[in-house]
Amino acid sequence: MTAFAVDQLVDGRIAVMHHSNMSEPAAKRPAATRADLERLPANVLGEIIDGVLYTFPRPRPPHARAIGKIVADLDAPYDRARSGPGGWWILPEPGVELADSPEVVPDVAGWRRERMPDLPTGAITLAPDWACEILSPSTRQHDHRIKRPFYARVGVQYLWFVDLDAQTLSVSRLERGRWVELGVWGDNDRVHAEPFGDVEIALADWWPAPAQAAAP
């Protein structure tokens, strides 16, 4: 009978690996596959990073709203070249297939069109140039401990962390394989943040109302 080993519990996210012999060392366990994702309940999301399946609940409304606001700020000037330079694909929650990681899902991600001239009709197999993660109680440790080093390893050039509780945006750029923090902004700041410095973003539009901020 097939079993699953629980390797890690991170703020409600469970890391599991597909495994048929529980006495076998973790390092030798077969990597999780897309079939493991397909077995997840409808109310559970999952992604596979370095062969490990991480599962977590669907985003709460403040999280989903922040994704929509970020996409709205970047889509017109960068994806559609309206009142901005264009040259990007900006996508919410894209499924990205990379080596040993067949399902990686940034909250928002962007690809320069010089690297990806056409938007694939199937899976995207190219690491994004920019990724944005919305931090929440159920994702904070996972995004910092798992996804941040993973993004550096696969060559994502810019990483944004949006913290809804602290109402901050932190921006990092990859230099020689390491993240260099370019700045932290918050509250009512209006920012020109790399790699999208051509437009001004009003961060106040991203933050939930006080009643929403208290939701888990």
N, C-alpha and C. Protein backbone atom coordinates (compact mmCIF):
# COMPACT_ATOMS: atom_id res chain seq x y z
N MET A 1 0.85 -1.20 0.00
CA MET A 1 0.00 0.00 0.00
C MET A 1 0.88 1.24 0.00
N THR A 2 0.56 2.18 -0.84
CA THR A 2 1.33 3.41 -0.91
C THR A 2 1.05 4.28 0.30
N ALA A 3 2.11 4.88 0.86
CA ALA A 3 1.96 5.77 2.01
C ALA A 3 2.64 7.09 1.71
N PHE A 4 2.36 8.08 2.56
CA PHE A 4 3.01 9.36 2.42
C PHE A 4 3.70 9.70 3.72
N ALA A 5 4.94 10.13 3.63
CA ALA A 5 5.69 10.54 4.82
C ALA A 5 5.54 12.03 5.01
N VAL A 6 5.20 12.45 6.22
CA VAL A 6 5.12 13.87 6.52
C VAL A 6 6.51 14.33 6.93
N ASP A 7 7.17 15.12 6.06
CA ASP A 7 8.54 15.53 6.30
C ASP A 7 8.65 16.86 7.03
N GLN A 8 7.62 17.70 6.93
CA GLN A 8 7.75 19.03 7.49
C GLN A 8 6.38 19.65 7.64
N LEU A 9 6.15 20.37 8.72
CA LEU A 9 4.92 21.12 8.90
C LEU A 9 5.29 22.57 9.11
N VAL A 10 4.89 23.44 8.20
CA VAL A 10 5.30 24.84 8.24
C VAL A 10 4.05 25.70 8.23
N ASP A 11 3.65 26.18 9.44
CA ASP A 11 2.50 27.09 9.51
C ASP A 11 1.30 26.57 8.73
N GLY A 12 1.02 25.30 8.88
CA GLY A 12 -0.14 24.74 8.20
C GLY A 12 0.18 24.13 6.86
N ARG A 13 1.39 24.32 6.35
CA ARG A 13 1.76 23.68 5.10
C ARG A 13 2.44 22.35 5.41
N ILE A 14 2.02 21.30 4.75
CA ILE A 14 2.59 19.98 4.99
C ILE A 14 3.46 19.61 3.82
N ALA A 15 4.70 19.27 4.10
CA ALA A 15 5.58 18.79 3.05
C ALA A 15 5.57 17.27 3.08
N VAL A 16 5.23 16.65 1.98
CA VAL A 16 5.17 15.19 1.93
C VAL A 16 5.94 14.70 0.73
N MET A 17 6.39 13.46 0.82
CA MET A 17 7.05 12.85 -0.33
C MET A 17 6.39 11.51 -0.63
N HIS A 18 6.16 11.27 -1.90
CA HIS A 18 5.58 10.01 -2.33
C HIS A 18 6.54 8.89 -1.96
N HIS A 19 6.03 7.88 -1.26
CA HIS A 19 6.93 6.89 -0.67
C HIS A 19 6.17 5.59 -0.41
N SER A 20 6.77 4.48 -0.75
CA SER A 20 6.10 3.21 -0.56
C SER A 20 6.74 2.36 0.52
N ASN A 21 7.89 2.76 1.02
CA ASN A 21 8.56 2.01 2.07
C ASN A 21 8.99 2.97 3.16
N MET A 22 8.24 3.03 4.27
CA MET A 22 8.46 4.06 5.28
C MET A 22 9.76 3.88 6.03
N SER A 23 10.41 2.71 5.92
CA SER A 23 11.69 2.52 6.58
C SER A 23 12.85 3.03 5.75
N GLU A 24 12.59 3.38 4.50
CA GLU A 24 13.63 3.87 3.61
C GLU A 24 14.02 5.29 3.99
N PRO A 25 15.30 5.64 4.02
CA PRO A 25 15.71 7.00 4.36
C PRO A 25 15.06 8.01 3.44
N ALA A 26 14.80 9.23 4.00
CA ALA A 26 14.11 10.27 3.23
C ALA A 26 14.85 10.61 1.95
N ALA A 27 16.19 10.61 2.01
CA ALA A 27 16.98 11.01 0.85
C ALA A 27 16.77 10.06 -0.33
N LYS A 28 16.32 8.81 -0.05
CA LYS A 28 16.16 7.84 -1.11
C LYS A 28 14.70 7.69 -1.56
N ARG A 29 13.81 8.41 -0.94
CA ARG A 29 12.42 8.28 -1.31
C ARG A 29 12.18 8.82 -2.71
N PRO A 30 11.30 8.18 -3.47
CA PRO A 30 10.97 8.72 -4.80
C PRO A 30 10.37 10.11 -4.68
N ALA A 31 10.71 10.94 -5.63
CA ALA A 31 10.19 12.31 -5.61
C ALA A 31 8.69 12.32 -5.87
N ALA A 32 8.02 13.31 -5.29
CA ALA A 32 6.59 13.50 -5.56
C ALA A 32 6.39 13.82 -7.03
N THR A 33 5.24 13.49 -7.55
CA THR A 33 4.93 13.69 -8.96
C THR A 33 3.60 14.42 -9.11
N ARG A 34 3.26 14.73 -10.36
CA ARG A 34 2.00 15.40 -10.63
C ARG A 34 0.82 14.52 -10.21
N ALA A 35 0.99 13.22 -10.22
CA ALA A 35 -0.09 12.33 -9.77
C ALA A 35 -0.43 12.58 -8.31
N ASP A 36 0.57 12.92 -7.50
CA ASP A 36 0.31 13.24 -6.10
C ASP A 36 -0.51 14.53 -5.99
N LEU A 37 -0.24 15.49 -6.85
CA LEU A 37 -1.04 16.71 -6.86
C LEU A 37 -2.49 16.42 -7.20
N GLU A 38 -2.69 15.53 -8.16
CA GLU A 38 -4.05 15.23 -8.61
C GLU A 38 -4.87 14.52 -7.54
N ARG A 39 -4.20 13.91 -6.56
CA ARG A 39 -4.92 13.23 -5.49
C ARG A 39 -5.32 14.17 -4.35
N LEU A 40 -4.89 15.41 -4.38
CA LEU A 40 -5.21 16.33 -3.30
C LEU A 40 -6.69 16.69 -3.32
N PRO A 41 -7.29 16.93 -2.16
CA PRO A 41 -8.69 17.38 -2.12
C PRO A 41 -8.86 18.72 -2.84
N ALA A 42 -10.08 19.00 -3.24
CA ALA A 42 -10.36 20.21 -4.02
C ALA A 42 -10.04 21.49 -3.26
N ASN A 43 -10.10 21.44 -1.93
CA ASN A 43 -9.86 22.65 -1.14
C ASN A 43 -8.41 22.79 -0.71
N VAL A 44 -7.53 21.98 -1.29
CA VAL A 44 -6.10 22.02 -0.94
C VAL A 44 -5.29 22.31 -2.19
N LEU A 45 -4.37 23.25 -2.09
CA LEU A 45 -3.45 23.55 -3.17
C LEU A 45 -2.11 22.88 -2.89
N GLY A 46 -1.36 22.64 -3.95
CA GLY A 46 -0.06 22.01 -3.76
C GLY A 46 0.95 22.46 -4.79
N GLU A 47 2.21 22.39 -4.43
CA GLU A 47 3.30 22.61 -5.37
C GLU A 47 4.43 21.68 -5.01
N ILE A 48 5.22 21.31 -6.01
CA ILE A 48 6.33 20.38 -5.81
C ILE A 48 7.62 21.13 -6.05
N ILE A 49 8.47 21.20 -5.03
CA ILE A 49 9.75 21.88 -5.12
C ILE A 49 10.83 20.89 -4.71
N ASP A 50 11.77 20.64 -5.61
CA ASP A 50 12.85 19.68 -5.35
C ASP A 50 12.31 18.33 -4.91
N GLY A 51 11.23 17.90 -5.56
CA GLY A 51 10.70 16.57 -5.30
C GLY A 51 9.80 16.46 -4.09
N VAL A 52 9.59 17.56 -3.37
CA VAL A 52 8.75 17.54 -2.17
C VAL A 52 7.42 18.22 -2.47
N LEU A 53 6.34 17.58 -2.09
CA LEU A 53 5.01 18.13 -2.29
C LEU A 53 4.61 18.92 -1.05
N TYR A 54 4.36 20.22 -1.24
CA TYR A 54 3.89 21.09 -0.17
C TYR A 54 2.42 21.38 -0.39
N THR A 55 1.62 21.22 0.65
CA THR A 55 0.19 21.46 0.52
C THR A 55 -0.22 22.57 1.49
N PHE A 56 -1.26 23.30 1.10
CA PHE A 56 -1.69 24.42 1.91
C PHE A 56 -3.13 24.78 1.53
N PRO A 57 -3.83 25.48 2.41
CA PRO A 57 -5.24 25.84 2.11
C PRO A 57 -5.31 26.91 1.05
N ARG A 58 -6.46 27.01 0.43
CA ARG A 58 -6.66 28.06 -0.57
C ARG A 58 -6.58 29.43 0.09
N PRO A 59 -6.10 30.44 -0.66
CA PRO A 59 -5.89 31.76 -0.07
C PRO A 59 -7.18 32.37 0.45
N ARG A 60 -7.05 33.11 1.57
CA ARG A 60 -8.16 33.88 2.11
C ARG A 60 -8.37 35.13 1.25
N PRO A 61 -9.52 35.79 1.37
CA PRO A 61 -9.80 36.95 0.53
C PRO A 61 -8.74 38.05 0.54
N PRO A 62 -8.15 38.44 1.68
CA PRO A 62 -7.12 39.49 1.61
C PRO A 62 -5.93 39.10 0.74
N HIS A 63 -5.55 37.84 0.80
CA HIS A 63 -4.44 37.32 -0.01
C HIS A 63 -4.80 37.39 -1.49
N ALA A 64 -5.98 36.89 -1.82
CA ALA A 64 -6.42 36.90 -3.22
C ALA A 64 -6.57 38.33 -3.73
N ARG A 65 -7.08 39.22 -2.89
CA ARG A 65 -7.25 40.61 -3.29
C ARG A 65 -5.91 41.27 -3.58
N ALA A 66 -4.90 40.98 -2.75
CA ALA A 66 -3.58 41.57 -2.96
C ALA A 66 -3.00 41.12 -4.30
N ILE A 67 -3.18 39.85 -4.65
CA ILE A 67 -2.72 39.36 -5.94
C ILE A 67 -3.36 40.17 -7.07
N GLY A 68 -4.67 40.38 -6.96
CA GLY A 68 -5.37 41.14 -8.00
C GLY A 68 -4.88 42.57 -8.11
N LYS A 69 -4.62 43.22 -6.97
CA LYS A 69 -4.15 44.60 -6.98
C LYS A 69 -2.76 44.70 -7.61
N ILE A 70 -1.87 43.77 -7.29
CA ILE A 70 -0.52 43.80 -7.84
C ILE A 70 -0.56 43.59 -9.36
N VAL A 71 -1.35 42.61 -9.79
CA VAL A 71 -1.50 42.39 -11.23
C VAL A 71 -2.06 43.63 -11.91
N ALA A 72 -3.05 44.26 -11.28
CA ALA A 72 -3.66 45.45 -11.88
C ALA A 72 -2.65 46.58 -12.04
N ASP A 73 -1.75 46.74 -11.07
CA ASP A 73 -0.76 47.81 -11.14
C ASP A 73 0.28 47.57 -12.23
N LEU A 74 0.55 46.31 -12.55
CA LEU A 74 1.64 45.99 -13.48
C LEU A 74 1.14 45.59 -14.88
N ASP A 75 -0.07 45.14 -14.98
CA ASP A 75 -0.55 44.59 -16.25
C ASP A 75 -0.56 45.63 -17.36
N ALA A 76 -1.19 46.77 -17.12
CA ALA A 76 -1.31 47.77 -18.20
C ALA A 76 0.04 48.30 -18.66
N PRO A 77 0.91 48.78 -17.75
CA PRO A 77 2.17 49.35 -18.24
C PRO A 77 3.18 48.33 -18.75
N TYR A 78 3.14 47.12 -18.25
CA TYR A 78 4.20 46.16 -18.61
C TYR A 78 3.73 45.01 -19.48
N ASP A 79 2.54 44.48 -19.25
CA ASP A 79 2.05 43.38 -20.08
C ASP A 79 1.39 43.91 -21.35
N ARG A 80 0.64 45.01 -21.23
CA ARG A 80 -0.10 45.54 -22.38
C ARG A 80 0.52 46.80 -22.97
N ALA A 81 1.59 47.28 -22.37
CA ALA A 81 2.31 48.46 -22.88
C ALA A 81 1.41 49.69 -22.99
N ARG A 82 0.53 49.87 -22.03
CA ARG A 82 -0.32 51.06 -21.98
C ARG A 82 0.21 51.98 -20.88
N SER A 83 0.65 53.16 -21.26
CA SER A 83 1.24 54.12 -20.31
C SER A 83 2.47 53.53 -19.63
N GLY A 84 3.18 52.67 -20.34
CA GLY A 84 4.38 52.06 -19.80
C GLY A 84 5.18 51.40 -20.90
N PRO A 85 6.34 50.84 -20.56
CA PRO A 85 7.25 50.33 -21.59
C PRO A 85 6.88 48.98 -22.18
N GLY A 86 5.97 48.22 -21.54
CA GLY A 86 5.68 46.88 -22.04
C GLY A 86 6.87 45.95 -21.85
N GLY A 87 6.88 44.89 -22.65
CA GLY A 87 8.03 43.98 -22.64
C GLY A 87 7.96 42.84 -21.64
N TRP A 88 6.81 42.65 -20.98
CA TRP A 88 6.68 41.60 -19.97
C TRP A 88 5.39 40.81 -20.19
N TRP A 89 5.42 39.57 -19.68
CA TRP A 89 4.21 38.81 -19.41
C TRP A 89 4.02 38.84 -17.90
N ILE A 90 2.87 39.29 -17.41
CA ILE A 90 2.57 39.33 -15.98
C ILE A 90 1.41 38.38 -15.73
N LEU A 91 1.63 37.36 -14.88
CA LEU A 91 0.64 36.30 -14.69
C LEU A 91 0.38 36.04 -13.21
N PRO A 92 -0.90 35.93 -12.81
CA PRO A 92 -1.21 35.53 -11.44
C PRO A 92 -1.19 34.02 -11.28
N GLU A 93 -0.52 33.55 -10.25
CA GLU A 93 -0.48 32.14 -9.88
C GLU A 93 -0.22 31.21 -11.06
N PRO A 94 0.83 31.46 -11.82
CA PRO A 94 1.13 30.56 -12.95
C PRO A 94 1.74 29.25 -12.44
N GLY A 95 1.40 28.17 -13.10
CA GLY A 95 2.06 26.91 -12.81
C GLY A 95 3.32 26.79 -13.65
N VAL A 96 4.47 26.66 -12.99
CA VAL A 96 5.76 26.61 -13.67
C VAL A 96 6.35 25.22 -13.49
N GLU A 97 6.79 24.59 -14.57
CA GLU A 97 7.40 23.26 -14.52
C GLU A 97 8.90 23.38 -14.72
N LEU A 98 9.67 23.01 -13.69
CA LEU A 98 11.12 23.05 -13.75
C LEU A 98 11.66 21.67 -13.36
N ALA A 99 12.94 21.46 -13.58
CA ALA A 99 13.55 20.16 -13.27
C ALA A 99 13.35 19.82 -11.80
N ASP A 100 12.83 18.62 -11.52
CA ASP A 100 12.56 18.13 -10.17
C ASP A 100 11.50 18.94 -9.44
N SER A 101 10.90 19.89 -10.12
CA SER A 101 9.89 20.76 -9.51
C SER A 101 8.77 20.98 -10.53
N PRO A 102 7.92 19.97 -10.74
CA PRO A 102 6.94 20.04 -11.83
C PRO A 102 5.76 20.95 -11.57
N GLU A 103 5.66 21.54 -10.38
CA GLU A 103 4.57 22.48 -10.13
C GLU A 103 5.02 23.49 -9.09
N VAL A 104 5.51 24.63 -9.58
CA VAL A 104 5.89 25.75 -8.72
C VAL A 104 4.92 26.88 -9.02
N VAL A 105 4.34 27.47 -7.96
CA VAL A 105 3.26 28.45 -8.17
C VAL A 105 3.57 29.74 -7.41
N PRO A 106 4.25 30.70 -8.04
CA PRO A 106 4.36 32.02 -7.42
C PRO A 106 2.97 32.67 -7.33
N ASP A 107 2.80 33.56 -6.37
CA ASP A 107 1.53 34.29 -6.31
C ASP A 107 1.35 35.15 -7.56
N VAL A 108 2.40 35.84 -7.96
CA VAL A 108 2.43 36.59 -9.21
C VAL A 108 3.84 36.41 -9.78
N ALA A 109 3.97 36.37 -11.09
CA ALA A 109 5.29 36.23 -11.70
C ALA A 109 5.31 36.95 -13.04
N GLY A 110 6.53 37.30 -13.47
CA GLY A 110 6.68 37.99 -14.74
C GLY A 110 7.87 37.46 -15.52
N TRP A 111 7.70 37.44 -16.83
CA TRP A 111 8.76 37.01 -17.75
C TRP A 111 9.03 38.13 -18.75
N ARG A 112 10.29 38.46 -18.96
CA ARG A 112 10.63 39.40 -20.02
C ARG A 112 10.37 38.73 -21.36
N ARG A 113 9.77 39.48 -22.27
CA ARG A 113 9.42 38.89 -23.56
C ARG A 113 10.65 38.62 -24.42
N GLU A 114 11.77 39.22 -24.11
CA GLU A 114 12.99 38.89 -24.84
C GLU A 114 13.45 37.49 -24.51
N ARG A 115 13.08 36.97 -23.34
CA ARG A 115 13.39 35.59 -22.96
C ARG A 115 12.27 34.63 -23.36
N MET A 116 11.04 35.08 -23.28
CA MET A 116 9.90 34.24 -23.62
C MET A 116 9.00 35.04 -24.57
N PRO A 117 9.34 35.06 -25.85
CA PRO A 117 8.61 35.91 -26.80
C PRO A 117 7.12 35.60 -26.90
N ASP A 118 6.75 34.32 -26.79
CA ASP A 118 5.35 33.91 -26.91
C ASP A 118 4.89 33.27 -25.62
N LEU A 119 3.66 33.55 -25.25
CA LEU A 119 3.09 32.94 -24.05
C LEU A 119 2.68 31.51 -24.36
N PRO A 120 3.24 30.52 -23.67
CA PRO A 120 2.92 29.12 -23.98
C PRO A 120 1.43 28.82 -23.77
N THR A 121 0.90 27.93 -24.56
CA THR A 121 -0.47 27.48 -24.36
C THR A 121 -0.52 26.37 -23.32
N GLY A 122 0.62 25.71 -23.09
CA GLY A 122 0.72 24.69 -22.06
C GLY A 122 1.53 25.19 -20.89
N ALA A 123 2.25 24.29 -20.27
CA ALA A 123 3.02 24.64 -19.09
C ALA A 123 4.18 25.58 -19.45
N ILE A 124 4.50 26.45 -18.54
CA ILE A 124 5.69 27.29 -18.67
C ILE A 124 6.87 26.54 -18.07
N THR A 125 7.91 26.36 -18.84
CA THR A 125 9.07 25.58 -18.39
C THR A 125 10.30 26.46 -18.20
N LEU A 126 10.10 27.75 -18.12
CA LEU A 126 11.19 28.72 -17.95
C LEU A 126 10.97 29.45 -16.63
N ALA A 127 12.02 29.52 -15.80
CA ALA A 127 11.90 30.23 -14.53
C ALA A 127 11.58 31.70 -14.80
N PRO A 128 10.73 32.32 -13.99
CA PRO A 128 10.39 33.73 -14.23
C PRO A 128 11.59 34.65 -13.96
N ASP A 129 11.52 35.85 -14.54
CA ASP A 129 12.51 36.88 -14.23
C ASP A 129 12.19 37.57 -12.91
N TRP A 130 10.92 37.58 -12.56
CA TRP A 130 10.47 38.24 -11.33
C TRP A 130 9.38 37.39 -10.70
N ALA A 131 9.43 37.27 -9.38
CA ALA A 131 8.38 36.55 -8.65
C ALA A 131 7.96 37.38 -7.46
N CYS A 132 6.70 37.25 -7.11
CA CYS A 132 6.13 37.97 -5.98
C CYS A 132 5.35 36.98 -5.12
N GLU A 133 5.63 36.99 -3.83
CA GLU A 133 4.91 36.13 -2.90
C GLU A 133 4.21 37.00 -1.85
N ILE A 134 2.96 36.66 -1.55
CA ILE A 134 2.18 37.33 -0.52
C ILE A 134 2.36 36.55 0.77
N LEU A 135 2.96 37.16 1.77
CA LEU A 135 3.21 36.48 3.04
C LEU A 135 1.95 36.51 3.89
N SER A 136 1.65 35.37 4.51
CA SER A 136 0.52 35.27 5.42
C SER A 136 0.91 34.25 6.49
N PRO A 137 0.12 34.12 7.56
CA PRO A 137 0.50 33.15 8.60
C PRO A 137 0.74 31.74 8.07
N SER A 138 0.02 31.33 7.03
CA SER A 138 0.17 29.96 6.52
C SER A 138 1.26 29.83 5.47
N THR A 139 1.88 30.94 5.06
CA THR A 139 2.89 30.85 4.00
C THR A 139 4.24 31.45 4.37
N ARG A 140 4.31 32.22 5.45
CA ARG A 140 5.51 33.02 5.72
C ARG A 140 6.78 32.19 5.78
N GLN A 141 6.79 31.14 6.61
CA GLN A 141 8.01 30.34 6.75
C GLN A 141 8.34 29.61 5.45
N HIS A 142 7.32 29.09 4.80
CA HIS A 142 7.54 28.37 3.54
C HIS A 142 8.18 29.29 2.50
N ASP A 143 7.65 30.50 2.37
CA ASP A 143 8.18 31.42 1.37
C ASP A 143 9.62 31.83 1.69
N HIS A 144 9.91 32.04 2.96
CA HIS A 144 11.27 32.44 3.34
C HIS A 144 12.25 31.27 3.27
N ARG A 145 11.87 30.11 3.81
CA ARG A 145 12.82 29.01 3.98
C ARG A 145 12.93 28.11 2.77
N ILE A 146 11.85 27.96 2.02
CA ILE A 146 11.84 27.04 0.88
C ILE A 146 11.93 27.79 -0.45
N LYS A 147 11.01 28.73 -0.66
CA LYS A 147 10.91 29.33 -1.99
C LYS A 147 12.00 30.37 -2.26
N ARG A 148 12.39 31.15 -1.26
CA ARG A 148 13.41 32.16 -1.49
C ARG A 148 14.72 31.55 -1.98
N PRO A 149 15.29 30.54 -1.29
CA PRO A 149 16.52 29.93 -1.83
C PRO A 149 16.29 29.19 -3.14
N PHE A 150 15.11 28.59 -3.31
CA PHE A 150 14.82 27.91 -4.57
C PHE A 150 14.82 28.90 -5.72
N TYR A 151 14.18 30.04 -5.56
CA TYR A 151 14.15 31.04 -6.62
C TYR A 151 15.56 31.51 -6.98
N ALA A 152 16.40 31.66 -5.98
CA ALA A 152 17.79 32.06 -6.26
C ALA A 152 18.49 30.99 -7.08
N ARG A 153 18.27 29.74 -6.72
CA ARG A 153 18.96 28.64 -7.39
C ARG A 153 18.55 28.49 -8.85
N VAL A 154 17.29 28.79 -9.16
CA VAL A 154 16.84 28.62 -10.55
C VAL A 154 16.99 29.90 -11.36
N GLY A 155 17.51 30.98 -10.74
CA GLY A 155 17.87 32.16 -11.50
C GLY A 155 16.82 33.24 -11.62
N VAL A 156 15.80 33.23 -10.75
CA VAL A 156 14.86 34.35 -10.72
C VAL A 156 15.65 35.60 -10.34
N GLN A 157 15.49 36.68 -11.09
CA GLN A 157 16.34 37.85 -10.91
C GLN A 157 15.83 38.83 -9.85
N TYR A 158 14.52 38.87 -9.66
CA TYR A 158 13.94 39.80 -8.68
C TYR A 158 12.88 39.06 -7.89
N LEU A 159 12.82 39.37 -6.59
CA LEU A 159 11.84 38.74 -5.71
C LEU A 159 11.20 39.80 -4.82
N TRP A 160 9.88 39.84 -4.85
CA TRP A 160 9.13 40.72 -3.97
C TRP A 160 8.43 39.88 -2.91
N PHE A 161 8.51 40.32 -1.66
CA PHE A 161 7.71 39.76 -0.58
C PHE A 161 6.75 40.85 -0.10
N VAL A 162 5.47 40.55 -0.18
CA VAL A 162 4.44 41.48 0.27
C VAL A 162 3.86 40.93 1.57
N ASP A 163 4.05 41.65 2.66
CA ASP A 163 3.60 41.21 3.98
C ASP A 163 2.32 41.97 4.33
N LEU A 164 1.20 41.29 4.30
CA LEU A 164 -0.08 41.95 4.54
C LEU A 164 -0.24 42.37 6.00
N ASP A 165 0.33 41.60 6.93
CA ASP A 165 0.21 41.96 8.34
C ASP A 165 1.04 43.20 8.66
N ALA A 166 2.28 43.21 8.20
CA ALA A 166 3.16 44.36 8.46
C ALA A 166 2.92 45.50 7.48
N GLN A 167 2.18 45.23 6.42
CA GLN A 167 1.92 46.20 5.35
C GLN A 167 3.24 46.73 4.78
N THR A 168 4.06 45.79 4.33
CA THR A 168 5.35 46.14 3.76
C THR A 168 5.59 45.39 2.45
N LEU A 169 6.40 46.02 1.62
CA LEU A 169 6.93 45.40 0.40
C LEU A 169 8.44 45.38 0.52
N SER A 170 9.05 44.21 0.44
CA SER A 170 10.50 44.10 0.39
C SER A 170 10.91 43.62 -0.99
N VAL A 171 11.94 44.25 -1.54
CA VAL A 171 12.38 43.98 -2.90
C VAL A 171 13.83 43.51 -2.87
N SER A 172 14.10 42.38 -3.51
CA SER A 172 15.46 41.83 -3.56
C SER A 172 15.85 41.57 -5.01
N ARG A 173 17.14 41.71 -5.28
CA ARG A 173 17.71 41.42 -6.60
C ARG A 173 18.77 40.36 -6.44
N LEU A 174 18.82 39.42 -7.39
CA LEU A 174 19.80 38.35 -7.34
C LEU A 174 21.13 38.85 -7.90
N GLU A 175 22.19 38.75 -7.10
CA GLU A 175 23.52 39.13 -7.53
C GLU A 175 24.50 38.03 -7.16
N ARG A 176 25.12 37.42 -8.17
CA ARG A 176 26.08 36.33 -7.96
C ARG A 176 25.48 35.21 -7.12
N GLY A 177 24.22 34.90 -7.41
CA GLY A 177 23.56 33.79 -6.74
C GLY A 177 23.02 34.07 -5.36
N ARG A 178 23.11 35.34 -4.91
CA ARG A 178 22.63 35.70 -3.57
C ARG A 178 21.65 36.86 -3.67
N TRP A 179 20.70 36.86 -2.75
CA TRP A 179 19.74 37.95 -2.73
C TRP A 179 20.32 39.17 -2.05
N VAL A 180 20.16 40.30 -2.70
CA VAL A 180 20.55 41.59 -2.14
C VAL A 180 19.28 42.42 -1.97
N GLU A 181 19.01 42.82 -0.74
CA GLU A 181 17.79 43.59 -0.50
C GLU A 181 17.97 45.02 -0.97
N LEU A 182 17.05 45.45 -1.82
CA LEU A 182 17.12 46.80 -2.37
C LEU A 182 16.34 47.81 -1.54
N GLY A 183 15.41 47.35 -0.73
CA GLY A 183 14.66 48.27 0.10
C GLY A 183 13.39 47.65 0.63
N VAL A 184 12.84 48.29 1.65
CA VAL A 184 11.57 47.89 2.24
C VAL A 184 10.70 49.13 2.33
N TRP A 185 9.48 49.02 1.82
CA TRP A 185 8.54 50.14 1.84
C TRP A 185 7.24 49.65 2.44
N GLY A 186 6.40 50.59 2.89
CA GLY A 186 5.14 50.18 3.47
C GLY A 186 4.16 51.31 3.66
N ASP A 187 3.06 50.96 4.33
CA ASP A 187 2.00 51.90 4.65
C ASP A 187 1.52 52.64 3.39
N ASN A 188 1.67 53.96 3.37
CA ASN A 188 1.18 54.78 2.27
C ASN A 188 2.28 55.17 1.28
N ASP A 189 3.39 54.46 1.31
CA ASP A 189 4.49 54.80 0.40
C ASP A 189 4.05 54.65 -1.05
N ARG A 190 4.63 55.50 -1.87
CA ARG A 190 4.49 55.39 -3.33
C ARG A 190 5.88 55.06 -3.86
N VAL A 191 6.01 53.94 -4.55
CA VAL A 191 7.34 53.40 -4.84
C VAL A 191 7.56 53.19 -6.33
N HIS A 192 8.83 53.23 -6.71
CA HIS A 192 9.31 52.79 -8.02
C HIS A 192 10.23 51.61 -7.72
N ALA A 193 9.71 50.41 -7.82
CA ALA A 193 10.42 49.22 -7.36
C ALA A 193 10.93 48.41 -8.53
N GLU A 194 12.22 48.05 -8.50
CA GLU A 194 12.79 47.19 -9.54
C GLU A 194 12.09 45.83 -9.54
N PRO A 195 11.90 45.27 -10.72
CA PRO A 195 12.33 45.73 -12.05
C PRO A 195 11.31 46.61 -12.76
N PHE A 196 10.35 47.15 -11.99
CA PHE A 196 9.26 47.93 -12.58
C PHE A 196 9.34 49.38 -12.15
N GLY A 197 10.53 49.95 -12.25
CA GLY A 197 10.75 51.30 -11.75
C GLY A 197 10.20 52.41 -12.61
N ASP A 198 9.66 52.07 -13.79
CA ASP A 198 9.14 53.11 -14.67
C ASP A 198 7.79 53.64 -14.21
N VAL A 199 7.11 52.91 -13.34
CA VAL A 199 5.80 53.36 -12.88
C VAL A 199 5.81 53.50 -11.36
N GLU A 200 4.94 54.37 -10.88
CA GLU A 200 4.79 54.57 -9.44
C GLU A 200 3.64 53.70 -8.94
N ILE A 201 3.88 53.00 -7.85
CA ILE A 201 2.88 52.11 -7.26
C ILE A 201 2.49 52.66 -5.90
N ALA A 202 1.19 52.82 -5.67
CA ALA A 202 0.67 53.27 -4.38
C ALA A 202 0.38 52.04 -3.53
N LEU A 203 1.23 51.78 -2.55
CA LEU A 203 1.10 50.55 -1.76
C LEU A 203 -0.18 50.52 -0.94
N ALA A 204 -0.72 51.66 -0.59
CA ALA A 204 -1.93 51.68 0.25
C ALA A 204 -3.07 50.91 -0.40
N ASP A 205 -3.07 50.84 -1.73
CA ASP A 205 -4.14 50.12 -2.42
C ASP A 205 -4.08 48.62 -2.18
N TRP A 206 -2.92 48.11 -1.77
CA TRP A 206 -2.75 46.67 -1.61
C TRP A 206 -3.26 46.16 -0.27
N TRP A 207 -3.30 47.02 0.74
CA TRP A 207 -3.50 46.53 2.10
C TRP A 207 -4.97 46.27 2.40
N PRO A 208 -5.24 45.21 3.16
CA PRO A 208 -6.63 44.89 3.51
C PRO A 208 -7.18 45.90 4.51
N ALA A 209 -8.51 45.99 4.57
CA ALA A 209 -9.15 46.78 5.60
C ALA A 209 -8.85 46.14 6.96
N PRO A 210 -8.94 46.91 8.07
CA PRO A 210 -8.60 46.36 9.39
C PRO A 210 -9.30 45.06 9.72
N ALA A 211 -10.57 44.94 9.37
CA ALA A 211 -11.29 43.69 9.67
C ALA A 211 -10.73 42.53 8.87
N GLN A 212 -10.31 42.79 7.62
CA GLN A 212 -9.72 41.73 6.80
C GLN A 212 -8.35 41.33 7.33
N ALA A 213 -7.59 42.31 7.80
CA ALA A 213 -6.22 42.03 8.27
C ALA A 213 -6.22 41.07 9.44
N ALA A 214 -7.30 41.02 10.22
CA ALA A 214 -7.35 40.16 11.37
C ALA A 214 -7.67 38.72 11.02
N ALA A 215 -8.09 38.45 9.79
CA ALA A 215 -8.44 37.09 9.39
C ALA A 215 -7.21 36.22 9.30
N PRO A 216 -7.31 34.91 9.63
CA PRO A 216 -6.14 34.01 9.57
C PRO A 216 -5.71 33.76 8.14
